[in-house]
Amino acid sequence: TKVSFAQHNHTESIIMHLLTVFLSYLLQIIPTAICPVYAPFFGAMGASMALSLTVVGAGYGTAKSSVGISSMGPNRPDLVIKAIIPVIFAGAIAVYGLIISVIITANLGSDIYTLKKGFLDLGAGLTVGICGAAAGMAIGVIGDAGVRGFAHQQRLYVGMVLVLIFAEALGLFGLIIALLLANNKDTDCKVEMPTPSI
C-alpha cells in the first residue's frame, strides 16, 4: 500500500504540473480585459495621428511661407535664398511626427500589447500631432509676414529667425512628451503561474 500511495501522489503531482502548464499557456494566449484584441487599434491610431497632423502643420507652414516668398521674390530676388528659412523650419515639424510613428509602429509588433500601452501610444501620437500642427501654423504665419517685412528692411531677419525658433519649440515640446509616452513599457498581459515541484 505504501508503494501504491507513493505512485498515486507522484501521478497526481504530474497531472497537477501538466494542468498548471496548460492553464498558464491558455492565460497567455487568451485575450483578457487588460490585453483585448482591439488594443493595437489605439496604437495604430496614435501612429497615424502623429504623422498626419504634423504633416498638415508642415504643409500649412510651407504653403503660407511660400506665399510670402513668392510675393517678395520679384522685387528682391537676391534675398529669396535667405527667405527660405521658414520652409526649412516647417519641414522639420513633419520629421517629429515620423519619429513617433516609427516608434509606435515598432511597439505594435510586440507579442504583448496591453490596453494601457494602446492608450499611451494614442496619447503620444495626439501630443506630437497637435503640437506639430500648432507649430506649423505659427511658422506659416510668422514666415509669411517675416519674409515680406525682411524684403523691406533686412535688419528684421534676425528677429524673424528668433521668432521662428520659438515657434519650432512648440513642436519640440510635443515630441519630448510623446517620446516619454511611447517609450513606456507595459507587460501586464504576462501572467506567470507558479510551477509545482514534482
Protein backbone atom coordinates (compact mmCIF):
# COMPACT_ATOMS: atom_id res chain seq x y z
CA THR A 1 0.00 0.00 0.00
CA LYS A 2 2.93 2.33 0.65
CA VAL A 3 4.16 1.88 -2.95
CA SER A 4 0.73 2.44 -4.48
CA PHE A 5 0.20 5.52 -2.29
CA ALA A 6 3.57 6.97 -3.45
CA GLN A 7 2.73 6.19 -7.08
CA HIS A 8 -0.66 7.84 -6.67
CA ASN A 9 0.94 11.01 -5.20
CA HIS A 10 3.54 11.06 -7.97
CA THR A 11 0.86 10.67 -10.67
CA GLU A 12 -1.25 13.36 -9.04
CA SER A 13 1.67 15.81 -8.94
CA ILE A 14 2.45 15.14 -12.62
CA ILE A 15 -1.18 15.77 -13.55
CA MET A 16 -1.20 18.99 -11.49
CA HIS A 17 2.03 20.11 -13.15
CA LEU A 18 0.65 19.46 -16.65
CA LEU A 19 -2.60 21.22 -15.76
CA THR A 20 -0.70 24.23 -14.41
CA VAL A 21 1.45 24.45 -17.56
CA PHE A 22 -1.63 24.17 -19.77
CA LEU A 23 -3.51 26.87 -17.81
CA SER A 24 -0.55 29.25 -17.88
CA TYR A 25 -0.34 28.75 -21.65
CA LEU A 26 -4.06 29.45 -22.04
CA LEU A 27 -3.82 32.60 -19.92
CA GLN A 28 -1.04 33.91 -22.16
CA ILE A 29 -2.88 33.36 -25.45
CA ILE A 30 -6.47 34.15 -24.47
CA PRO A 31 -7.20 37.91 -24.58
CA THR A 32 -8.09 39.35 -21.21
CA ALA A 33 -9.64 42.62 -20.10
CA ILE A 34 -6.10 44.03 -19.81
CA CYS A 35 -5.00 42.77 -23.24
CA PRO A 36 -8.02 42.82 -25.56
CA VAL A 37 -7.63 42.07 -29.26
CA TYR A 38 -8.55 45.66 -30.13
CA ALA A 39 -5.73 47.24 -28.05
CA PRO A 40 -3.40 47.68 -31.07
CA PHE A 41 -6.11 49.78 -32.76
CA PHE A 42 -5.37 52.65 -30.39
CA GLY A 43 -1.64 52.39 -31.10
CA ALA A 44 -2.27 52.38 -34.84
CA MET A 45 -4.46 55.47 -34.48
CA GLY A 46 -1.69 57.15 -32.49
CA ALA A 47 0.83 56.42 -35.25
CA SER A 48 -1.48 57.72 -37.97
CA MET A 49 -2.44 60.84 -35.98
CA ALA A 50 1.22 61.62 -35.24
CA LEU A 51 2.20 61.61 -38.89
CA SER A 52 -0.95 63.07 -40.44
CA LEU A 53 -1.34 66.03 -38.04
CA THR A 54 2.34 67.00 -38.20
CA VAL A 55 2.25 66.79 -41.99
CA VAL A 56 -0.82 69.06 -42.01
CA GLY A 57 1.09 71.57 -39.88
CA ALA A 58 4.22 71.29 -42.03
CA GLY A 59 2.19 71.62 -45.24
CA TYR A 60 0.39 74.70 -43.99
CA GLY A 61 3.63 76.29 -42.79
CA THR A 62 5.36 75.58 -46.10
CA ALA A 63 2.46 76.88 -48.20
CA LYS A 64 1.90 80.03 -46.15
CA SER A 65 5.62 80.87 -46.07
CA SER A 66 5.92 80.22 -49.80
CA VAL A 67 3.22 82.81 -50.48
CA GLY A 68 5.36 85.41 -48.72
CA ILE A 69 8.49 84.29 -50.56
CA SER A 70 6.68 84.46 -53.90
CA SER A 71 5.44 87.97 -53.09
CA MET A 72 8.86 89.36 -52.22
CA GLY A 73 10.77 87.38 -54.89
CA PRO A 74 10.09 89.59 -57.94
CA ASN A 75 11.22 92.76 -56.14
CA ARG A 76 14.17 91.26 -54.22
CA PRO A 77 15.35 88.05 -55.95
CA ASP A 78 18.72 88.33 -54.18
CA LEU A 79 17.02 87.63 -50.80
CA VAL A 80 14.97 84.58 -51.82
CA ILE A 81 17.55 82.03 -50.61
CA LYS A 82 17.74 83.66 -47.17
CA ALA A 83 13.93 83.81 -47.08
CA ILE A 84 13.61 80.01 -47.42
CA ILE A 85 14.37 79.51 -43.69
CA PRO A 86 10.66 79.33 -42.67
CA VAL A 87 10.12 76.50 -45.18
CA ILE A 88 13.01 74.54 -43.59
CA PHE A 89 11.55 75.07 -40.11
CA ALA A 90 8.12 73.93 -41.30
CA GLY A 91 9.52 70.79 -42.91
CA ALA A 92 11.24 69.77 -39.67
CA ILE A 93 7.83 69.52 -37.96
CA ALA A 94 6.85 66.53 -40.12
CA VAL A 95 10.04 64.73 -39.06
CA TYR A 96 8.84 64.84 -35.42
CA GLY A 97 5.67 63.01 -36.40
CA LEU A 98 7.64 60.50 -38.45
CA ILE A 99 9.89 59.66 -35.48
CA ILE A 100 6.93 58.97 -33.17
CA SER A 101 5.08 57.00 -35.85
CA VAL A 102 8.09 54.70 -36.32
CA ILE A 103 8.41 54.15 -32.55
CA ILE A 104 4.70 53.38 -32.15
CA THR A 105 4.70 51.06 -35.16
CA ALA A 106 7.65 49.16 -33.67
CA ASN A 107 5.66 48.80 -30.42
CA LEU A 108 2.73 47.32 -32.34
CA GLY A 109 4.87 44.38 -33.45
CA SER A 110 5.40 43.08 -29.91
CA ASP A 111 3.64 39.92 -28.66
CA ILE A 112 2.29 41.67 -25.58
CA TYR A 113 0.24 44.80 -26.26
CA THR A 114 -1.99 45.98 -23.45
CA LEU A 115 -4.86 48.42 -23.47
CA LYS A 116 -2.78 50.76 -21.32
CA LYS A 117 0.02 50.66 -23.92
CA GLY A 118 -2.52 51.37 -26.66
CA PHE A 119 -3.75 54.46 -24.81
CA LEU A 120 -0.16 55.61 -24.15
CA ASP A 121 0.69 55.30 -27.85
CA LEU A 122 -2.53 57.10 -28.82
CA GLY A 123 -1.64 59.89 -26.38
CA ALA A 124 1.88 60.10 -27.80
CA GLY A 125 0.56 60.37 -31.35
CA LEU A 126 -2.00 63.02 -30.49
CA THR A 127 0.51 65.02 -28.43
CA VAL A 128 3.13 65.30 -31.17
CA GLY A 129 0.44 65.68 -33.86
CA ILE A 130 -1.48 68.55 -32.29
CA CYS A 131 1.69 70.33 -31.12
CA GLY A 132 3.15 69.90 -34.61
CA ALA A 133 0.02 71.25 -36.28
CA ALA A 134 0.06 74.32 -34.00
CA ALA A 135 3.79 74.88 -34.58
CA GLY A 136 3.37 74.55 -38.36
CA MET A 137 0.56 77.11 -38.41
CA ALA A 138 2.63 79.51 -36.29
CA ILE A 139 5.66 79.06 -38.58
CA GLY A 140 3.49 79.72 -41.64
CA VAL A 141 2.09 82.99 -40.31
CA ILE A 142 5.47 84.16 -39.00
CA GLY A 143 7.21 83.15 -42.23
CA ASP A 144 4.71 84.92 -44.46
CA ALA A 145 4.81 88.20 -42.55
CA GLY A 146 8.52 87.87 -41.75
CA VAL A 147 9.81 87.48 -45.30
CA ARG A 148 7.63 90.33 -46.55
CA GLY A 149 8.98 92.62 -43.82
CA PHE A 150 12.51 91.31 -44.38
CA ALA A 151 12.28 92.30 -48.06
CA HIS A 152 11.75 95.94 -46.99
CA GLN A 153 14.11 96.01 -44.01
CA GLN A 154 16.92 93.42 -43.84
CA ARG A 155 17.57 94.06 -40.16
CA LEU A 156 14.33 92.18 -39.40
CA TYR A 157 15.98 88.89 -40.44
CA VAL A 158 17.48 88.01 -37.03
CA GLY A 159 14.21 88.81 -35.25
CA MET A 160 12.28 86.66 -37.72
CA VAL A 161 14.62 83.70 -37.17
CA LEU A 162 14.34 84.04 -33.38
CA VAL A 163 10.55 84.03 -33.51
CA LEU A 164 10.66 81.01 -35.85
CA ILE A 165 12.85 79.18 -33.32
CA PHE A 166 10.27 79.78 -30.59
CA ALA A 167 7.51 78.55 -32.88
CA GLU A 168 9.53 75.42 -33.71
CA ALA A 169 9.99 74.81 -29.97
CA LEU A 170 6.22 74.25 -29.67
CA GLY A 171 6.56 71.16 -31.85
CA LEU A 172 9.68 70.08 -29.97
CA PHE A 173 7.80 70.15 -26.65
CA GLY A 174 5.23 67.77 -28.12
CA LEU A 175 8.00 65.48 -29.42
CA ILE A 176 9.64 65.24 -25.98
CA ILE A 177 6.41 64.30 -24.19
CA ALA A 178 5.44 61.90 -26.99
CA LEU A 179 8.81 60.14 -26.67
CA LEU A 180 8.25 59.71 -22.94
CA LEU A 181 4.75 58.31 -23.51
CA ALA A 182 5.68 56.00 -26.38
CA ASN A 183 8.68 54.51 -24.56
CA ASN A 184 6.65 53.36 -21.55
CA LYS A 185 6.72 49.56 -21.33
CA ASP A 186 3.73 47.60 -20.10
CA THR A 187 3.81 43.84 -19.52
CA ASP A 188 0.57 43.37 -17.58
CA CYS A 189 -0.57 40.67 -20.03
CA LYS A 190 2.14 38.29 -18.95
CA VAL A 191 0.56 36.01 -16.35
CA GLU A 192 3.10 33.84 -14.56
CA MET A 193 1.72 30.87 -12.68
CA PRO A 194 3.76 29.06 -10.06
CA THR A 195 5.09 25.69 -11.19
CA PRO A 196 4.60 22.97 -8.58
CA SER A 197 7.55 20.78 -7.76
CA ILE A 198 7.29 17.11 -8.78
